[in-house]
Protein backbone atom coordinates (compact mmCIF):
# COMPACT_ATOMS: atom_id res chain seq x y z
CA MET A 1 80.24 123.46 109.98
CA PRO A 2 78.32 120.27 110.93
CA ARG A 3 80.29 120.03 114.17
CA GLY A 4 79.25 123.61 115.02
CA ILE A 5 75.57 122.76 114.43
CA PHE A 6 75.88 119.74 116.73
CA VAL A 7 77.47 121.85 119.49
CA LEU A 8 74.75 124.48 119.10
CA GLY A 9 72.09 121.75 119.46
CA LEU A 10 73.81 120.42 122.57
CA LEU A 11 73.90 123.88 124.15
CA SER A 12 70.24 124.43 123.27
CA PHE A 13 69.37 121.08 124.86
CA ILE A 14 71.22 121.96 128.08
CA PHE A 15 69.55 125.39 128.17
CA GLY A 16 66.16 123.70 127.65
CA VAL A 17 66.70 121.35 130.60
CA LEU A 18 67.62 124.30 132.83
CA ALA A 19 64.75 126.46 131.49
CA LEU A 20 62.29 123.60 132.00
CA ILE A 21 62.17 124.46 135.72
CA ILE A 22 61.37 128.17 135.25
CA LEU A 23 59.35 128.26 132.01
CA PRO A 24 58.24 124.75 130.98
CA ILE A 25 57.07 125.68 127.44
CA ILE A 26 60.29 127.53 126.51
CA GLY A 27 62.31 124.72 128.06
CA PHE A 28 60.42 122.08 126.08
CA LEU A 29 60.85 124.02 122.81
CA SER A 30 64.55 124.54 123.53
CA ILE A 31 65.02 120.81 124.20
CA LEU A 32 63.17 120.01 120.97
CA LEU A 33 65.29 122.51 119.01
CA GLY A 34 68.48 121.12 120.58
CA VAL A 35 67.62 117.54 119.61
CA LEU A 36 66.79 118.60 116.06
CA LEU A 37 70.05 120.54 115.72
CA MET A 38 72.07 117.61 117.05
CA ILE A 39 70.42 115.26 114.54
CA VAL A 40 71.08 117.68 111.69
CA GLY A 41 74.69 118.04 112.84
CA LEU A 42 75.21 114.27 112.90
CA VAL A 43 73.50 113.69 109.55
CA SER A 44 75.43 116.52 107.88
CA GLU A 45 78.71 115.17 109.21
CA GLU A 46 78.02 111.75 107.73
CA ALA A 47 76.89 113.20 104.39
CA ALA A 48 79.94 115.42 104.01
CA PRO A 49 81.63 114.71 100.70
CA ALA A 50 84.77 112.66 100.90
CA PRO A 51 87.93 114.54 100.07
CA VAL A 52 89.04 114.05 96.51
CA PRO A 53 92.37 112.21 96.37
CA PRO A 54 95.04 113.97 94.37
CA LYS A 55 95.61 112.81 90.82
CA PRO A 56 98.60 110.51 90.48
CA ILE A 57 101.57 112.03 88.76
CA LYS A 58 102.60 110.15 85.68
CA PRO A 59 106.31 109.42 85.60
CA LYS A 60 108.12 110.98 82.71
CA VAL A 61 109.27 108.39 80.23
CA LYS A 62 112.78 108.97 79.10
CA GLU A 63 113.25 108.75 75.42
CA GLU A 64 115.63 106.04 74.46
CA LYS A 65 118.62 107.35 72.63
CA LYS A 66 119.58 105.38 69.60
CA ALA A 67 123.18 104.39 69.44
CA GLU A 68 124.81 106.59 66.89
CA VAL A 69 127.39 105.02 64.69
CA THR A 70 130.45 107.19 64.80
CA LYS A 71 132.94 107.10 62.05
CA PRO A 72 136.56 107.19 63.01
CA GLU A 73 138.17 110.53 62.33
CA LYS A 74 140.86 108.88 60.22
CA GLU A 75 140.99 105.56 58.55
CA LEU A 76 143.32 102.93 59.90
CA PRO A 77 146.80 103.28 58.47
CA PRO A 78 148.03 100.65 56.04
CA PRO A 79 150.15 97.85 57.51
CA GLY A 80 153.59 99.04 58.51
CA TYR A 81 152.48 102.65 59.13
CA ILE A 82 151.21 104.63 62.12
CA TYR A 83 149.89 108.14 62.65
CA CYS A 84 152.00 110.77 64.39
CA LEU A 85 150.50 111.64 67.77
CA TYR A 86 151.35 115.33 67.33
CA CYS A 87 150.53 116.23 63.73
CA GLY A 88 148.52 113.19 62.56
CA GLU A 89 150.70 112.47 59.53
CA LYS A 90 151.06 108.89 58.31
CA ILE A 91 154.62 107.69 59.01
CA PRO A 92 156.49 104.37 58.88
CA LYS A 93 156.16 102.25 62.01
CA ASN A 94 159.89 102.01 62.75
CA SER A 95 160.51 105.80 62.62
CA ARG A 96 161.98 107.50 65.70
CA PHE A 97 160.98 110.99 64.59
CA CYS A 98 158.08 112.31 62.56
CA PRO A 99 159.34 113.46 59.13
CA ASN A 100 156.56 116.08 58.99
CA CYS A 101 156.78 117.83 62.39
CA GLY A 102 160.03 116.39 63.81
CA ALA A 103 158.43 115.15 67.05
CA ALA A 104 160.19 112.29 68.84
CA LEU A 105 158.06 109.14 68.91
CA GLU A 106 158.05 106.83 71.91
CA GLU A 107 158.73 103.18 71.47
């Protein structure tokens, strides 16, 4: 809006200069009004409030996950034994087949 007031003052000033030839009093008043409007336009433009900067966005803090201690599903077999890969039964280490499920064990 202040820019519009300044332009209106400028137009009034120009009209006053042109009207000064025909009607000196109206021309003088128009020049005076134009100068006043230009001053108000300039002062209002300087006094316009500064735009408010946007609020900074706080980064989300990720919650630290605590390392969970996981227990093994089965305990380690005693020395000389292994678990069957197919049924999970405890069998001697040198077995070729599982005595529980009969699966062939790789060596």
